[in-house]
PDB file of N, CA and C in Angstrom:
ATOM      1  N   MET A   1     211.118 134.249 168.102  1.00  0.00           N
ATOM      2  CA  MET A   1     212.187 133.088 168.858  1.00  0.00           C
ATOM      3  C   MET A   1     212.044 131.668 167.996  1.00  0.00           C
ATOM      4  N   ILE A   2     212.876 131.078 168.533  1.00  0.00           N
ATOM      5  CA  ILE A   2     213.050 129.664 167.562  1.00  0.00           C
ATOM      6  C   ILE A   2     212.369 128.665 168.419  1.00  0.00           C
ATOM      7  N   LYS A   3     211.213 127.738 167.583  1.00  0.00           N
ATOM      8  CA  LYS A   3     210.909 126.704 168.423  1.00  0.00           C
ATOM      9  C   LYS A   3     211.529 125.632 168.041  1.00  0.00           C
ATOM     10  N   THR A   4     211.857 124.633 169.007  1.00  0.00           N
ATOM     11  CA  THR A   4     212.405 123.432 168.559  1.00  0.00           C
ATOM     12  C   THR A   4     211.245 122.387 168.772  1.00  0.00           C
ATOM     13  N   LEU A   5     211.224 121.286 168.289  1.00  0.00           N
ATOM     14  CA  LEU A   5     210.559 120.267 167.765  1.00  0.00           C
ATOM     15  C   LEU A   5     210.573 119.339 168.847  1.00  0.00           C
ATOM     16  N   GLY A   6     209.460 118.908 169.039  1.00  0.00           N
ATOM     17  CA  GLY A   6     209.222 117.700 170.673  1.00  0.00           C
ATOM     18  C   GLY A   6     209.233 116.890 169.861  1.00  0.00           C
ATOM     19  N   ILE A   7     208.844 115.758 170.694  1.00  0.00           N
ATOM     20  CA  ILE A   7     209.323 114.162 170.230  1.00  0.00           C
ATOM     21  C   ILE A   7     208.191 113.861 169.031  1.00  0.00           C
ATOM     22  N   THR A   8     206.760 114.445 169.641  1.00  0.00           N
ATOM     23  CA  THR A   8     205.916 113.961 169.175  1.00  0.00           C
ATOM     24  C   THR A   8     205.784 114.887 167.589  1.00  0.00           C
ATOM     25  N   GLU A   9     206.229 116.109 167.145  1.00  0.00           N
ATOM     26  CA  GLU A   9     206.261 116.670 165.772  1.00  0.00           C
ATOM     27  C   GLU A   9     207.325 115.708 165.344  1.00  0.00           C
ATOM     28  N   LEU A  10     208.687 115.416 165.745  1.00  0.00           N
ATOM     29  CA  LEU A  10     209.621 115.085 164.971  1.00  0.00           C
ATOM     30  C   LEU A  10     209.106 113.172 164.811  1.00  0.00           C
ATOM     31  N   THR A  11     208.289 112.935 165.371  1.00  0.00           N
ATOM     32  CA  THR A  11     207.722 111.588 164.964  1.00  0.00           C
ATOM     33  C   THR A  11     206.790 111.258 163.857  1.00  0.00           C
ATOM     34  N   ILE A  12     206.015 112.706 164.148  1.00  0.00           N
ATOM     35  CA  ILE A  12     204.843 112.747 162.852  1.00  0.00           C
ATOM     36  C   ILE A  12     205.763 113.556 161.441  1.00  0.00           C
ATOM     37  N   LEU A  13     206.731 114.227 161.743  1.00  0.00           N
ATOM     38  CA  LEU A  13     207.554 114.229 160.491  1.00  0.00           C
ATOM     39  C   LEU A  13     208.093 113.390 160.150  1.00  0.00           C
ATOM     40  N   LEU A  14     208.831 112.341 160.731  1.00  0.00           N
ATOM     41  CA  LEU A  14     209.601 111.223 160.375  1.00  0.00           C
ATOM     42  C   LEU A  14     208.348 110.389 159.688  1.00  0.00           C
ATOM     43  N   VAL A  15     207.461 110.146 160.134  1.00  0.00           N
ATOM     44  CA  VAL A  15     206.396 109.358 159.426  1.00  0.00           C
ATOM     45  C   VAL A  15     205.911 109.962 157.998  1.00  0.00           C
ATOM     46  N   CYS A  16     205.806 111.395 158.224  1.00  0.00           N
ATOM     47  CA  CYS A  16     205.018 111.679 156.918  1.00  0.00           C
ATOM     48  C   CYS A  16     206.497 111.889 155.781  1.00  0.00           C
ATOM     49  N   VAL A  17     207.665 111.539 156.326  1.00  0.00           N
ATOM     50  CA  VAL A  17     208.686 111.666 155.253  1.00  0.00           C
ATOM     51  C   VAL A  17     209.322 110.273 155.001  1.00  0.00           C
ATOM     52  N   LEU A  18     209.216 109.518 155.841  1.00  0.00           N
ATOM     53  CA  LEU A  18     209.902 107.946 155.693  1.00  0.00           C
ATOM     54  C   LEU A  18     208.611 106.893 154.851  1.00  0.00           C
ATOM     55  N   VAL A  19     207.358 107.388 155.414  1.00  0.00           N
ATOM     56  CA  VAL A  19     206.625 106.112 154.717  1.00  0.00           C
ATOM     57  C   VAL A  19     206.439 106.476 153.139  1.00  0.00           C
ATOM     58  N   PRO A  20     205.894 107.738 152.783  1.00  0.00           N
ATOM     59  CA  PRO A  20     206.290 107.805 151.450  1.00  0.00           C
ATOM     60  C   PRO A  20     207.464 107.139 150.504  1.00  0.00           C
ATOM     61  N   VAL A  21     208.684 107.774 151.298  1.00  0.00           N
ATOM     62  CA  VAL A  21     210.221 107.463 150.645  1.00  0.00           C
ATOM     63  C   VAL A  21     209.988 105.598 150.854  1.00  0.00           C
ATOM     64  N   LEU A  22     209.594 104.847 151.548  1.00  0.00           N
ATOM     65  CA  LEU A  22     209.848 103.461 151.594  1.00  0.00           C
ATOM     66  C   LEU A  22     208.707 103.003 150.272  1.00  0.00           C
ATOM     67  N   ALA A  23     207.523 103.822 150.322  1.00  0.00           N
ATOM     68  CA  ALA A  23     206.811 103.522 149.315  1.00  0.00           C
ATOM     69  C   ALA A  23     207.128 103.668 147.513  1.00  0.00           C
ATOM     70  N   MET A  24     207.810 104.395 147.732  1.00  0.00           N
ATOM     71  CA  MET A  24     208.385 105.057 146.174  1.00  0.00           C
ATOM     72  C   MET A  24     209.481 103.935 146.095  1.00  0.00           C
ATOM     73  N   VAL A  25     210.371 103.563 147.138  1.00  0.00           N
ATOM     74  CA  VAL A  25     211.759 102.769 146.849  1.00  0.00           C
ATOM     75  C   VAL A  25     211.168 101.201 146.525  1.00  0.00           C
ATOM     76  N   ASP A  26     209.959 100.704 147.141  1.00  0.00           N
ATOM     77  CA  ASP A  26     209.491  99.244 146.846  1.00  0.00           C
ATOM     78  C   ASP A  26     208.818  99.291 145.439  1.00  0.00           C
ATOM     79  N   LEU A  27     208.333 100.629 145.062  1.00  0.00           N
ATOM     80  CA  LEU A  27     207.391 100.448 143.551  1.00  0.00           C
ATOM     81  C   LEU A  27     208.856 100.508 142.284  1.00  0.00           C
ATOM     82  N   MET A  28     209.579 101.564 143.059  1.00  0.00           N
ATOM     83  CA  MET A  28     210.497 101.321 141.726  1.00  0.00           C
ATOM     84  C   MET A  28     211.385 100.210 141.614  1.00  0.00           C
ATOM     85  N   LYS A  29     211.479  99.114 142.899  1.00  0.00           N
ATOM     86  CA  LYS A  29     212.307  97.961 142.574  1.00  0.00           C
ATOM     87  C   LYS A  29     211.376  96.882 142.257  1.00  0.00           C
ATOM     88  N   ASN A  30     210.321  96.978 141.989  1.00  0.00           N
ATOM     89  CA  ASN A  30     209.146  95.946 141.309  1.00  0.00           C
ATOM     90  C   ASN A  30     208.822  96.436 140.647  1.00  0.00           C
ATOM     91  N   LYS A  31     208.126  94.946 139.611  1.00  0.00           N
ATOM     92  CA  LYS A  31     207.595  95.052 138.216  1.00  0.00           C
ATOM     93  C   LYS A  31     205.896  94.698 138.529  1.00  0.00           C
ATOM     94  N   TYR A  32     205.249  95.366 137.864  1.00  0.00           N
ATOM     95  CA  TYR A  32     203.466  95.803 138.032  1.00  0.00           C
ATOM     96  C   TYR A  32     202.565  95.112 136.845  1.00  0.00           C
ATOM     97  N   HIS A  33     201.779  94.807 136.544  1.00  0.00           N
ATOM     98  CA  HIS A  33     201.132  94.797 135.081  1.00  0.00           C
ATOM     99  C   HIS A  33     200.489  96.219 134.663  1.00  0.00           C
ATOM    100  N   GLY A  34     200.893  96.387 133.360  1.00  0.00           N
ATOM    101  CA  GLY A  34     200.030  97.453 132.282  1.00  0.00           C
ATOM    102  C   GLY A  34     200.809  98.903 133.124  1.00  0.00           C
ATOM    103  N   ASN A  35     199.898  99.542 133.453  1.00  0.00           N
ATOM    104  CA  ASN A  35     200.313 101.120 133.728  1.00  0.00           C
ATOM    105  C   ASN A  35     200.153 101.278 135.686  1.00  0.00           C
ATOM    106  N   ASN A  36     199.862 100.090 136.345  1.00  0.00           N
ATOM    107  CA  ASN A  36     199.876 100.157 137.656  1.00  0.00           C
ATOM    108  C   ASN A  36     200.804 100.659 138.474  1.00  0.00           C
ATOM    109  N   LYS A  37     202.226 100.392 138.145  1.00  0.00           N
ATOM    110  CA  LYS A  37     202.917 101.461 138.546  1.00  0.00           C
ATOM    111  C   LYS A  37     202.866 102.698 138.401  1.00  0.00           C
ATOM    112  N   THR A  38     202.657 103.179 137.096  1.00  0.00           N
ATOM    113  CA  THR A  38     202.702 104.678 137.083  1.00  0.00           C
ATOM    114  C   THR A  38     201.608 105.657 137.510  1.00  0.00           C
ATOM    115  N   ILE A  39     200.735 104.863 137.858  1.00  0.00           N
ATOM    116  CA  ILE A  39     199.515 105.226 138.991  1.00  0.00           C
ATOM    117  C   ILE A  39     199.634 105.235 140.326  1.00  0.00           C
ATOM    118  N   TRP A  40     200.590 104.036 140.394  1.00  0.00           N
ATOM    119  CA  TRP A  40     200.695 104.314 141.986  1.00  0.00           C
ATOM    120  C   TRP A  40     201.952 105.309 141.964  1.00  0.00           C
ATOM    121  N   ILE A  41     202.707 105.420 141.447  1.00  0.00           N
ATOM    122  CA  ILE A  41     203.795 106.513 141.741  1.00  0.00           C
ATOM    123  C   ILE A  41     203.002 107.697 142.014  1.00  0.00           C
ATOM    124  N   LEU A  42     201.826 107.989 141.146  1.00  0.00           N
ATOM    125  CA  LEU A  42     201.332 109.491 140.833  1.00  0.00           C
ATOM    126  C   LEU A  42     200.639 109.579 142.167  1.00  0.00           C
ATOM    127  N   LEU A  43     199.948 108.452 142.766  1.00  0.00           N
ATOM    128  CA  LEU A  43     199.386 108.741 143.674  1.00  0.00           C
ATOM    129  C   LEU A  43     200.503 108.625 144.868  1.00  0.00           C
ATOM    130  N   VAL A  44     201.224 108.482 145.178  1.00  0.00           N
ATOM    131  CA  VAL A  44     202.131 108.293 146.187  1.00  0.00           C
ATOM    132  C   VAL A  44     202.554 109.969 146.088  1.00  0.00           C
ATOM    133  N   ILE A  45     203.097 110.306 145.145  1.00  0.00           N
ATOM    134  CA  ILE A  45     203.428 111.632 145.017  1.00  0.00           C
ATOM    135  C   ILE A  45     202.628 113.084 145.361  1.00  0.00           C
ATOM    136  N   PHE A  46     201.505 112.758 145.013  1.00  0.00           N
ATOM    137  CA  PHE A  46     200.100 113.809 145.009  1.00  0.00           C
ATOM    138  C   PHE A  46     199.531 113.543 146.387  1.00  0.00           C
ATOM    139  N   THR A  47     199.556 112.492 147.015  1.00  0.00           N
ATOM    140  CA  THR A  47     198.426 112.520 148.087  1.00  0.00           C
ATOM    141  C   THR A  47     199.777 111.948 149.560  1.00  0.00           C
ATOM    142  N   ASN A  48     200.915 111.851 149.070  1.00  0.00           N
ATOM    143  CA  ASN A  48     201.943 111.237 150.290  1.00  0.00           C
ATOM    144  C   ASN A  48     201.190 110.300 151.107  1.00  0.00           C
ATOM    145  N   ILE A  49     200.626 110.560 152.448  1.00  0.00           N
ATOM    146  CA  ILE A  49     200.763 109.407 153.554  1.00  0.00           C
ATOM    147  C   ILE A  49     199.412 108.618 153.082  1.00  0.00           C
ATOM    148  N   ILE A  50     198.401 109.206 152.349  1.00  0.00           N
ATOM    149  CA  ILE A  50     197.263 108.766 152.444  1.00  0.00           C
ATOM    150  C   ILE A  50     197.683 107.828 150.977  1.00  0.00           C
ATOM    151  N   GLY A  51     198.273 108.068 149.824  1.00  0.00           N
ATOM    152  CA  GLY A  51     198.586 107.262 148.876  1.00  0.00           C
ATOM    153  C   GLY A  51     199.698 105.974 149.143  1.00  0.00           C
ATOM    154  N   SER A  52     200.610 106.533 150.260  1.00  0.00           N
ATOM    155  CA  SER A  52     201.352 105.566 150.664  1.00  0.00           C
ATOM    156  C   SER A  52     200.932 104.476 151.309  1.00  0.00           C
ATOM    157  N   LEU A  53     199.869 104.577 152.202  1.00  0.00           N
ATOM    158  CA  LEU A  53     199.252 103.586 153.215  1.00  0.00           C
ATOM    159  C   LEU A  53     198.314 102.820 152.004  1.00  0.00           C
ATOM    160  N   LEU A  54     197.907 103.570 151.309  1.00  0.00           N
ATOM    161  CA  LEU A  54     197.063 102.769 150.016  1.00  0.00           C
ATOM    162  C   LEU A  54     197.742 101.857 149.379  1.00  0.00           C
ATOM    163  N   TYR A  55     198.620 102.080 149.019  1.00  0.00           N
ATOM    164  CA  TYR A  55     199.882 101.173 148.189  1.00  0.00           C
ATOM    165  C   TYR A  55     200.258 100.241 149.277  1.00  0.00           C
ATOM    166  N   PHE A  56     200.389 100.540 150.565  1.00  0.00           N
ATOM    167  CA  PHE A  56     200.766  99.093 151.254  1.00  0.00           C
ATOM    168  C   PHE A  56     199.927  98.385 151.380  1.00  0.00           C
ATOM    169  N   ILE A  57     198.630  98.673 151.690  1.00  0.00           N
ATOM    170  CA  ILE A  57     197.422  97.787 151.872  1.00  0.00           C
ATOM    171  C   ILE A  57     197.019  97.207 150.753  1.00  0.00           C
ATOM    172  N   ILE A  58     196.938  97.646 149.610  1.00  0.00           N
ATOM    173  CA  ILE A  58     196.302  97.462 148.268  1.00  0.00           C
ATOM    174  C   ILE A  58     197.685  97.175 147.158  1.00  0.00           C
ATOM    175  N   GLY A  59     198.080  98.136 146.749  1.00  0.00           N
ATOM    176  CA  GLY A  59     199.185  98.252 145.790  1.00  0.00           C
ATOM    177  C   GLY A  59     200.099  97.301 145.650  1.00  0.00           C
ATOM    178  N   ARG A  60     200.543  96.764 147.032  1.00  0.00           N
ATOM    179  CA  ARG A  60     201.612  95.522 147.056  1.00  0.00           C
ATOM    180  C   ARG A  60     201.414  94.095 146.536  1.00  0.00           C
ATOM    181  N   GLN A  61     199.895  93.771 146.539  1.00  0.00           N
ATOM    182  CA  GLN A  61     199.529  92.699 146.390  1.00  0.00           C
ATOM    183  C   GLN A  61     199.271  92.723 144.700  1.00  0.00           C
ATOM    184  N   GLN A  62     199.731  93.558 143.931  1.00  0.00           N
ATOM    185  CA  GLN A  62     199.693  93.759 142.459  1.00  0.00           C
ATOM    186  C   GLN A  62     200.844  93.420 141.843  1.00  0.00           C
ATOM    187  N   LYS A  63     201.866  93.419 142.454  1.00  0.00           N
ATOM    188  CA  LYS A  63     203.179  92.890 141.892  1.00  0.00           C
ATOM    189  C   LYS A  63     203.162  92.011 140.938  1.00  0.00           C
ATOM    190  N   ARG A  64     204.112  92.021 139.918  1.00  0.00           N
ATOM    191  CA  ARG A  64     204.318  90.899 138.966  1.00  0.00           C
ATOM    192  C   ARG A  64     205.781  89.712 139.339  1.00  0.00           C
ATOM    193  N   TYR A  65     205.319  88.619 139.547  1.00  0.00           N
ATOM    194  CA  TYR A  65     206.691  88.054 140.337  1.00  0.00           C
ATOM    195  C   TYR A  65     207.193  87.122 139.105  1.00  0.00           C
ATOM    196  N   ASN A  66     207.260  87.767 137.820  1.00  0.00           N
ATOM    197  CA  ASN A  66     207.793  86.616 136.984  1.00  0.00           C
ATOM    198  C   ASN A  66     208.915  87.371 135.974  1.00  0.00           C
TER     199      ASN A  66
END
């Protein structure tokens, strides 16, 4: 039988897909000092949700504004 997804499963799936995508878009749009951008990209790719949350908490403060 085919099981349909409930609202809880859809919410979790959306968060698991949307948060890393938003992190990658933000990473691509901004400049960072040294190899920070590469490190954050690898972290988001290989650890998905945890890496994305760490990026939004820590990584966004490392942007270069000039």
